[in-house]
Amino acid sequence: MKKLSVLFASLLAIVVLVSSCTKEESEGKNDLGKATISGKVWMDYEDQSGNPTPALVNFDKEFAPEGIQLIATISADDLMQDGNGANVQKKNYYTTVDAEGNYSFTIDCGAKVVNVQIKGEEKLYEYNSWKWDALIGAMTYQKDERVSWGFAPINTTVVDKQDRVLDIEYTKIFVLEN
């Protein structure tokens, strides 16, 4: 009976030891770190025809309007250590631009470099168009315009515990005249 108790206690200790080692090893493989991508989102209001903007009226750049949605997309394969590429899925992160043009993403990271693509929604705005008149040395009213603003997708990379600052500039995509 005493030998059976010792044998049972020994087996129990071995099972606990083996299962705890396996658990720690598997947890280590699935631990995800974090990286931050943040910055400002600007809109370039400079006249696209090349007319200069006078220094006294700074129409060049302003913060993008509050509420514009940005999406950062990564490949879920980048989060795996082995990176075997089987059943690769995309993972999206969403954020919006605040009133001062700021945005921020917190991206999951694995043991290797994570490729990130940032896209933004296109926006259509109506506003008065102004043009620099060199003859009178002032901005003159042109007409009402409807303008679509956007930016080409931005590709970047991050690693665990990295803080990347990346400013984004919206530009005119096309103008719809009234």
Protein backbone atom coordinates (compact mmCIF):
# COMPACT_ATOMS: atom_id res chain seq x y z
CA MET A 1 0.00 0.00 0.00
CA LYS A 2 2.86 2.32 0.91
CA LYS A 3 4.58 1.58 -2.43
CA LEU A 4 1.34 2.30 -4.27
CA SER A 5 1.01 5.70 -2.53
CA VAL A 6 4.60 6.63 -3.41
CA LEU A 7 4.08 5.48 -6.99
CA PHE A 8 0.84 7.47 -7.30
CA ALA A 9 2.46 10.61 -5.80
CA SER A 10 5.43 10.25 -8.17
CA LEU A 11 3.18 9.88 -11.21
CA LEU A 12 1.10 12.88 -10.13
CA ALA A 13 4.26 14.99 -9.74
CA ILE A 14 5.50 13.98 -13.20
CA VAL A 15 2.13 14.76 -14.82
CA VAL A 16 2.02 18.21 -13.17
CA LEU A 17 5.62 18.93 -14.18
CA VAL A 18 5.14 17.86 -17.81
CA SER A 19 1.84 19.70 -18.25
CA SER A 20 3.20 22.91 -16.76
CA CYS A 21 6.22 22.88 -19.11
CA THR A 22 4.02 22.33 -22.14
CA LYS A 23 1.69 25.12 -21.07
CA GLU A 24 4.53 27.65 -20.66
CA GLU A 25 6.03 26.73 -24.01
CA SER A 26 2.72 27.07 -25.84
CA GLU A 27 1.91 30.37 -24.10
CA GLY A 28 5.27 31.78 -25.17
CA LYS A 29 4.53 31.05 -28.83
CA ASN A 30 1.16 32.83 -28.73
CA ASP A 31 2.18 35.93 -26.76
CA LEU A 32 1.56 39.02 -28.85
CA GLY A 33 3.37 42.27 -28.34
CA LYS A 34 2.08 45.71 -29.29
CA ALA A 35 3.31 48.52 -31.52
CA THR A 36 1.81 51.98 -31.99
CA ILE A 37 1.40 53.93 -35.22
CA SER A 38 0.24 57.50 -34.71
CA GLY A 39 0.51 60.93 -36.25
CA LYS A 40 -1.40 63.79 -37.81
CA VAL A 41 -3.72 63.74 -40.79
CA TRP A 42 -3.45 66.85 -42.97
CA MET A 43 -5.37 68.14 -45.96
CA ASP A 44 -3.41 70.07 -48.56
CA TYR A 45 -5.53 73.04 -49.59
CA GLU A 46 -2.86 74.50 -51.88
CA ASP A 47 -4.21 75.39 -55.29
CA GLN A 48 -3.47 72.35 -57.48
CA SER A 49 -2.76 74.59 -60.49
CA GLY A 50 0.51 75.64 -58.88
CA ASN A 51 -0.59 79.11 -57.80
CA PRO A 52 1.22 80.06 -54.61
CA THR A 53 -0.66 80.59 -51.40
CA PRO A 54 0.17 83.97 -49.84
CA ALA A 55 2.03 83.82 -46.53
CA LEU A 56 -0.59 85.91 -44.81
CA VAL A 57 -3.38 83.46 -45.50
CA ASN A 58 -2.17 79.97 -44.62
CA PHE A 59 -4.44 77.75 -46.70
CA ASP A 60 -1.61 75.28 -47.35
CA LYS A 61 -2.40 72.65 -44.75
CA GLU A 62 -5.07 72.17 -42.17
CA PHE A 63 -6.02 69.24 -40.02
CA ALA A 64 -8.26 66.73 -41.72
CA PRO A 65 -11.86 66.94 -40.54
CA GLU A 66 -12.73 65.16 -37.32
CA GLY A 67 -14.26 61.72 -37.73
CA ILE A 68 -12.46 60.51 -40.87
CA GLN A 69 -12.01 56.77 -40.47
CA LEU A 70 -8.62 55.13 -41.03
CA ILE A 71 -8.03 51.38 -41.34
CA ALA A 72 -4.75 49.56 -40.70
CA THR A 73 -4.58 46.04 -42.14
CA ILE A 74 -2.05 43.32 -41.31
CA SER A 75 -1.64 39.72 -42.39
CA ALA A 76 -2.42 37.32 -39.54
CA ASP A 77 0.53 35.28 -40.82
CA ASP A 78 2.85 38.05 -39.56
CA LEU A 79 1.74 37.20 -36.01
CA MET A 80 2.92 33.58 -36.22
CA GLN A 81 6.49 32.64 -35.44
CA ASP A 82 6.72 29.94 -38.09
CA GLY A 83 5.12 32.14 -40.79
CA ASN A 84 4.05 29.13 -42.84
CA GLY A 85 1.49 31.15 -44.82
CA ALA A 86 -1.30 28.58 -44.47
CA ASN A 87 -4.79 30.08 -44.37
CA VAL A 88 -3.50 33.66 -44.23
CA GLN A 89 -6.18 36.04 -43.04
CA LYS A 90 -6.22 39.80 -42.73
CA LYS A 91 -6.71 41.59 -39.43
CA ASN A 92 -8.08 45.14 -39.45
CA TYR A 93 -7.69 47.92 -36.89
CA TYR A 94 -9.94 50.99 -36.99
CA THR A 95 -9.50 54.52 -35.70
CA THR A 96 -10.90 57.98 -36.38
CA VAL A 97 -9.21 61.35 -36.70
CA ASP A 98 -9.83 63.71 -33.77
CA ALA A 99 -10.50 67.48 -33.95
CA GLU A 100 -6.77 68.27 -33.98
CA GLY A 101 -5.94 65.84 -36.79
CA ASN A 102 -4.51 63.13 -34.51
CA TYR A 103 -4.91 59.39 -35.03
CA SER A 104 -3.44 56.32 -33.35
CA PHE A 105 -3.43 52.55 -33.92
CA THR A 106 -2.22 49.89 -31.48
CA ILE A 107 -1.13 46.94 -33.64
CA ASP A 108 -0.54 43.36 -32.47
CA CYS A 109 3.00 42.11 -33.15
CA GLY A 110 4.58 38.69 -33.09
CA ALA A 111 8.24 37.73 -33.06
CA LYS A 112 8.91 39.13 -36.54
CA VAL A 113 8.32 42.32 -38.50
CA VAL A 114 4.64 43.07 -39.17
CA ASN A 115 3.68 44.65 -42.50
CA VAL A 116 0.92 47.25 -42.14
CA GLN A 117 -1.16 48.93 -44.83
CA ILE A 118 -3.07 52.09 -43.86
CA LYS A 119 -6.06 53.27 -45.88
CA GLY A 120 -8.48 56.11 -45.36
CA GLU A 121 -11.98 56.78 -46.50
CA GLU A 122 -12.48 59.22 -49.35
CA LYS A 123 -14.45 62.31 -48.44
CA LEU A 124 -16.46 64.65 -50.65
CA TYR A 125 -16.57 68.29 -49.50
CA GLU A 126 -18.20 71.41 -50.85
CA TYR A 127 -16.45 74.71 -50.35
CA ASN A 128 -15.56 78.00 -52.00
CA SER A 129 -12.52 77.90 -54.23
CA TRP A 130 -9.97 80.69 -54.01
CA LYS A 131 -7.19 81.58 -56.41
CA TRP A 132 -4.10 83.76 -56.00
CA ASP A 133 -4.38 86.76 -58.31
CA ALA A 134 -0.84 88.04 -58.86
CA LEU A 135 -2.13 91.22 -60.55
CA ILE A 136 -3.86 92.47 -57.40
CA GLY A 137 -1.70 90.50 -54.95
CA ALA A 138 -4.60 88.84 -53.16
CA MET A 139 -6.78 85.76 -53.04
CA THR A 140 -9.92 86.04 -55.17
CA TYR A 141 -13.12 84.00 -55.02
CA GLN A 142 -13.49 81.54 -57.87
CA LYS A 143 -16.61 79.41 -57.47
CA ASP A 144 -18.15 76.69 -55.37
CA GLU A 145 -16.51 73.31 -55.79
CA ARG A 146 -17.21 69.78 -54.71
CA VAL A 147 -13.91 68.04 -54.11
CA SER A 148 -13.13 64.43 -53.34
CA TRP A 149 -10.15 64.02 -50.98
CA GLY A 150 -8.17 60.87 -50.27
CA PHE A 151 -4.72 59.29 -50.17
CA ALA A 152 -3.04 56.27 -51.71
CA PRO A 153 -2.64 53.31 -49.32
CA ILE A 154 0.48 53.65 -47.16
CA ASN A 155 2.66 50.61 -46.48
CA THR A 156 4.90 50.52 -43.42
CA THR A 157 6.31 47.99 -40.95
CA VAL A 158 6.37 47.74 -37.15
CA VAL A 159 8.00 45.51 -34.55
CA ASP A 160 7.08 44.77 -30.94
CA LYS A 161 7.24 47.79 -28.58
CA GLN A 162 7.80 50.25 -31.43
CA ASP A 163 6.20 53.70 -31.55
CA ARG A 164 6.09 54.85 -35.18
CA VAL A 165 5.07 58.41 -36.04
CA LEU A 166 3.58 58.66 -39.52
CA ASP A 167 1.81 61.78 -40.80
CA ILE A 168 -0.77 61.31 -43.55
CA GLU A 169 -1.71 63.89 -46.15
CA TYR A 170 -5.06 63.90 -47.91
CA THR A 171 -4.94 65.45 -51.39
CA LYS A 172 -7.51 66.28 -54.06
CA ILE A 173 -8.56 63.24 -56.05
CA PHE A 174 -10.99 65.03 -58.35
CA VAL A 175 -13.11 68.18 -58.55
CA LEU A 176 -16.79 68.21 -59.50
CA GLU A 177 -17.81 71.65 -60.68
CA ASN A 178 -21.33 72.89 -59.98
